Amino acid sequence: MDPEIKIRFDNLEKKLDLILLLLENDVKPNCNKMSSHIDFIDTVYENVKNPLGFICSKVNYLRSDAGNYSLDDKNDLS
């Protein structure tokens, strides 16, 4: 094999090893952290969504009644 090709091949192999090392040591643990964070958010959402939905529906109900106010007396039809 040509010595120049051998050197280039060795350099490529070193770069590939470095990429694999980075993937195994940096990317994989960070993906695991993100996965556990997503699981945490899903759990919190499952625990909060029903009470939050109840509060939102009550606020919307009160807002719809509050939107029908008038400065005039309702008994005064003149």
Protein backbone atom coordinates (compact mmCIF):
# COMPACT_ATOMS: atom_id res chain seq x y z
CA MET A 1 0.00 0.00 0.00
CA ASP A 2 1.16 3.50 -0.80
CA PRO A 3 2.64 5.20 2.33
CA GLU A 4 0.60 8.36 1.76
CA ILE A 5 -2.64 6.38 1.57
CA LYS A 6 -1.64 4.50 4.71
CA ILE A 7 -1.08 7.78 6.58
CA ARG A 8 -4.40 9.19 5.39
CA PHE A 9 -6.15 5.97 6.35
CA ASP A 10 -4.61 6.09 9.84
CA ASN A 11 -5.68 9.73 10.24
CA LEU A 12 -9.23 8.88 9.22
CA GLU A 13 -9.27 5.98 11.63
CA LYS A 14 -8.11 8.25 14.48
CA LYS A 15 -10.81 10.79 13.64
CA LEU A 16 -13.42 8.08 13.54
CA ASP A 17 -12.26 6.79 16.93
CA LEU A 18 -12.53 10.31 18.32
CA ILE A 19 -16.06 10.68 16.97
CA LEU A 20 -17.09 7.37 18.51
CA LEU A 21 -15.54 8.37 21.81
CA LEU A 22 -17.46 11.66 21.81
CA LEU A 23 -20.71 9.89 20.96
CA GLU A 24 -20.30 7.36 23.74
CA ASN A 25 -19.09 9.78 26.42
CA ASP A 26 -20.95 13.01 25.64
CA VAL A 27 -23.99 12.46 23.51
CA LYS A 28 -25.31 9.27 25.07
CA PRO A 29 -25.30 10.52 28.70
CA ASN A 30 -26.88 13.81 27.62
CA CYS A 31 -29.61 11.92 25.78
CA ASN A 32 -30.25 9.89 28.93
CA LYS A 33 -30.49 13.11 30.97
CA MET A 34 -32.95 14.57 28.48
CA SER A 35 -34.99 11.39 28.54
CA SER A 36 -35.26 11.49 32.33
CA HIS A 37 -36.21 15.19 32.15
CA ILE A 38 -38.97 14.42 29.65
CA ASP A 39 -40.26 11.64 31.91
CA PHE A 40 -40.30 14.09 34.84
CA ILE A 41 -42.25 16.69 32.84
CA ASP A 42 -44.76 14.06 31.71
CA THR A 43 -45.30 12.95 35.31
CA VAL A 44 -45.79 16.53 36.52
CA TYR A 45 -48.20 17.24 33.67
CA GLU A 46 -50.25 14.13 34.45
CA ASN A 47 -50.57 15.26 38.09
CA VAL A 48 -51.39 18.89 37.27
CA LYS A 49 -53.59 18.73 34.17
CA ASN A 50 -56.91 17.90 35.88
CA PRO A 51 -56.73 20.56 38.63
CA LEU A 52 -55.43 23.08 36.10
CA GLY A 53 -58.25 22.22 33.70
CA PHE A 54 -60.78 22.68 36.50
CA ILE A 55 -59.35 26.10 37.39
CA CYS A 56 -59.25 27.18 33.75
CA SER A 57 -62.87 26.16 33.16
CA LYS A 58 -63.97 28.06 36.28
CA VAL A 59 -62.05 31.16 35.23
CA ASN A 60 -63.53 30.98 31.74
CA TYR A 61 -67.00 30.56 33.23
CA LEU A 62 -66.50 33.62 35.43
CA ARG A 63 -65.04 35.60 32.54
CA SER A 64 -68.04 34.88 30.32
CA ASP A 65 -70.41 36.15 33.04
CA ALA A 66 -68.18 39.15 33.70
CA GLY A 67 -68.28 40.06 30.01
CA ASN A 68 -72.07 40.60 30.12
CA TYR A 69 -72.10 43.52 32.54
CA SER A 70 -73.74 46.82 31.86
CA LEU A 71 -73.51 50.26 33.45
CA ASP A 72 -77.29 50.69 33.15
CA ASP A 73 -79.71 49.31 35.70
CA LYS A 74 -81.21 46.08 34.33
CA ASN A 75 -84.61 46.92 35.87
CA ASP A 76 -84.77 50.25 34.04
CA LEU A 77 -86.18 49.33 30.60
CA SER A 78 -87.04 52.89 29.49
